[in-house]
């Protein structure tokens, strides 16, 4: 499983999401959308999200914001 967390600086929900993933021992890659224009375009134009973080598990599993329910479900999988 390859998880990517799209973030931005000074984002409390981004920090909480990463802490929750770390708590569950889930490995992930972080991409800062303020430094990567292609990533920002992917998140906003292709996925349609405007709020960070955006967590992408696979093509069909992704969400925006700090979602405890989704993170815990991911950990249980």
C-alpha atoms as a PDB file:
ATOM      1  CA  UNK A   1       0.000   0.000   0.000  1.00  0.00           C
ATOM      2  CA  UNK A   2       1.428   3.363  -1.035  1.00  0.00           C
ATOM      3  CA  UNK A   3      -0.109   6.313   0.819  1.00  0.00           C
ATOM      4  CA  UNK A   4       0.536   9.929  -0.085  1.00  0.00           C
ATOM      5  CA  UNK A   5      -0.396  12.847   2.160  1.00  0.00           C
ATOM      6  CA  UNK A   6      -0.606  16.172   0.341  1.00  0.00           C
ATOM      7  CA  UNK A   7       0.039  18.990   2.798  1.00  0.00           C
ATOM      8  CA  UNK A   8       0.839  22.668   3.133  1.00  0.00           C
ATOM      9  CA  UNK A   9       2.827  24.608   5.747  1.00  0.00           C
ATOM     10  CA  UNK A  10       1.221  25.610   9.046  1.00  0.00           C
ATOM     11  CA  UNK A  11      -1.679  23.194   8.556  1.00  0.00           C
ATOM     12  CA  UNK A  12      -2.953  21.825  11.864  1.00  0.00           C
ATOM     13  CA  UNK A  13      -5.133  19.192  10.176  1.00  0.00           C
ATOM     14  CA  UNK A  14      -2.111  18.056   8.162  1.00  0.00           C
ATOM     15  CA  UNK A  15      -0.071  17.654  11.342  1.00  0.00           C
ATOM     16  CA  UNK A  16      -2.888  15.762  13.076  1.00  0.00           C
ATOM     17  CA  UNK A  17      -3.269  13.433  10.100  1.00  0.00           C
ATOM     18  CA  UNK A  18       0.448  12.627  10.053  1.00  0.00           C
ATOM     19  CA  UNK A  19       0.454  12.042  13.835  1.00  0.00           C
ATOM     20  CA  UNK A  20      -2.469   9.628  13.499  1.00  0.00           C
ATOM     21  CA  UNK A  21      -0.745   7.717  10.692  1.00  0.00           C
ATOM     22  CA  UNK A  22       2.447   7.570  12.765  1.00  0.00           C
ATOM     23  CA  UNK A  23       0.473   6.342  15.786  1.00  0.00           C
ATOM     24  CA  UNK A  24      -0.822   3.438  13.702  1.00  0.00           C
ATOM     25  CA  UNK A  25       2.623   2.751  12.235  1.00  0.00           C
ATOM     26  CA  UNK A  26       1.426   3.446   8.709  1.00  0.00           C
ATOM     27  CA  UNK A  27       4.127   4.514   6.263  1.00  0.00           C
ATOM     28  CA  UNK A  28       3.367   7.384   3.911  1.00  0.00           C
ATOM     29  CA  UNK A  29       4.957   9.951   1.646  1.00  0.00           C
ATOM     30  CA  UNK A  30       4.394  13.671   2.209  1.00  0.00           C
ATOM     31  CA  UNK A  31       4.099  16.155  -0.649  1.00  0.00           C
ATOM     32  CA  UNK A  32       3.920  19.915   0.015  1.00  0.00           C
ATOM     33  CA  UNK A  33       1.509  21.386  -2.543  1.00  0.00           C
ATOM     34  CA  UNK A  34       2.989  24.872  -2.070  1.00  0.00           C
ATOM     35  CA  UNK A  35       6.294  23.581  -3.460  1.00  0.00           C
ATOM     36  CA  UNK A  36       5.008  21.175  -6.116  1.00  0.00           C
ATOM     37  CA  UNK A  37       2.762  22.710  -8.783  1.00  0.00           C
ATOM     38  CA  UNK A  38       1.993  19.336 -10.392  1.00  0.00           C
ATOM     39  CA  UNK A  39       0.862  17.930  -7.041  1.00  0.00           C
ATOM     40  CA  UNK A  40      -1.301  21.006  -6.384  1.00  0.00           C
ATOM     41  CA  UNK A  41      -2.898  20.615  -9.816  1.00  0.00           C
ATOM     42  CA  UNK A  42      -3.507  16.882  -9.216  1.00  0.00           C
ATOM     43  CA  UNK A  43      -5.208  17.520  -5.870  1.00  0.00           C
ATOM     44  CA  UNK A  44      -7.332  20.468  -6.991  1.00  0.00           C
ATOM     45  CA  UNK A  45      -8.103  19.744 -10.640  1.00  0.00           C
ATOM     46  CA  UNK A  46      -8.114  15.957 -10.867  1.00  0.00           C
ATOM     47  CA  UNK A  47      -9.389  15.065  -7.394  1.00  0.00           C
ATOM     48  CA  UNK A  48     -11.387  18.269  -6.828  1.00  0.00           C
ATOM     49  CA  UNK A  49     -10.178  19.056  -3.309  1.00  0.00           C
ATOM     50  CA  UNK A  50      -9.493  22.531  -1.946  1.00  0.00           C
ATOM     51  CA  UNK A  51      -8.690  21.688   1.696  1.00  0.00           C
ATOM     52  CA  UNK A  52      -5.504  20.059   2.952  1.00  0.00           C
ATOM     53  CA  UNK A  53      -4.488  17.496   3.861  1.00  0.00           C
ATOM     54  CA  UNK A  54      -5.486  15.211   1.046  1.00  0.00           C
ATOM     55  CA  UNK A  55      -4.769  11.546   1.720  1.00  0.00           C
ATOM     56  CA  UNK A  56      -4.514   9.277  -1.315  1.00  0.00           C
ATOM     57  CA  UNK A  57      -4.443   5.531  -0.720  1.00  0.00           C
ATOM     58  CA  UNK A  58      -5.194   4.463  -4.286  1.00  0.00           C
ATOM     59  CA  UNK A  59      -7.123   5.659  -7.328  1.00  0.00           C
ATOM     60  CA  UNK A  60     -10.491   5.074  -5.647  1.00  0.00           C
ATOM     61  CA  UNK A  61      -9.639   5.787  -2.007  1.00  0.00           C
ATOM     62  CA  UNK A  62      -8.839   9.362  -1.061  1.00  0.00           C
ATOM     63  CA  UNK A  63     -10.202  12.115   1.146  1.00  0.00           C
ATOM     64  CA  UNK A  64      -9.610  15.647   2.321  1.00  0.00           C
ATOM     65  CA  UNK A  65      -9.253  16.961   5.868  1.00  0.00           C
ATOM     66  CA  UNK A  66      -8.439  15.314   9.188  1.00  0.00           C
ATOM     67  CA  UNK A  67     -10.667  12.232   9.069  1.00  0.00           C
ATOM     68  CA  UNK A  68     -10.207  10.078  12.166  1.00  0.00           C
ATOM     69  CA  UNK A  69     -12.775   7.583  10.875  1.00  0.00           C
ATOM     70  CA  UNK A  70     -10.977   7.100   7.557  1.00  0.00           C
ATOM     71  CA  UNK A  71      -7.542   6.919   9.194  1.00  0.00           C
ATOM     72  CA  UNK A  72      -8.692   4.333  11.737  1.00  0.00           C
ATOM     73  CA  UNK A  73     -10.388   2.301   8.995  1.00  0.00           C
ATOM     74  CA  UNK A  74      -7.150   2.397   7.018  1.00  0.00           C
ATOM     75  CA  UNK A  75      -5.224   1.176  10.070  1.00  0.00           C
ATOM     76  CA  UNK A  76      -7.646  -1.713  10.553  1.00  0.00           C
ATOM     77  CA  UNK A  77      -7.296  -2.895   6.938  1.00  0.00           C
END
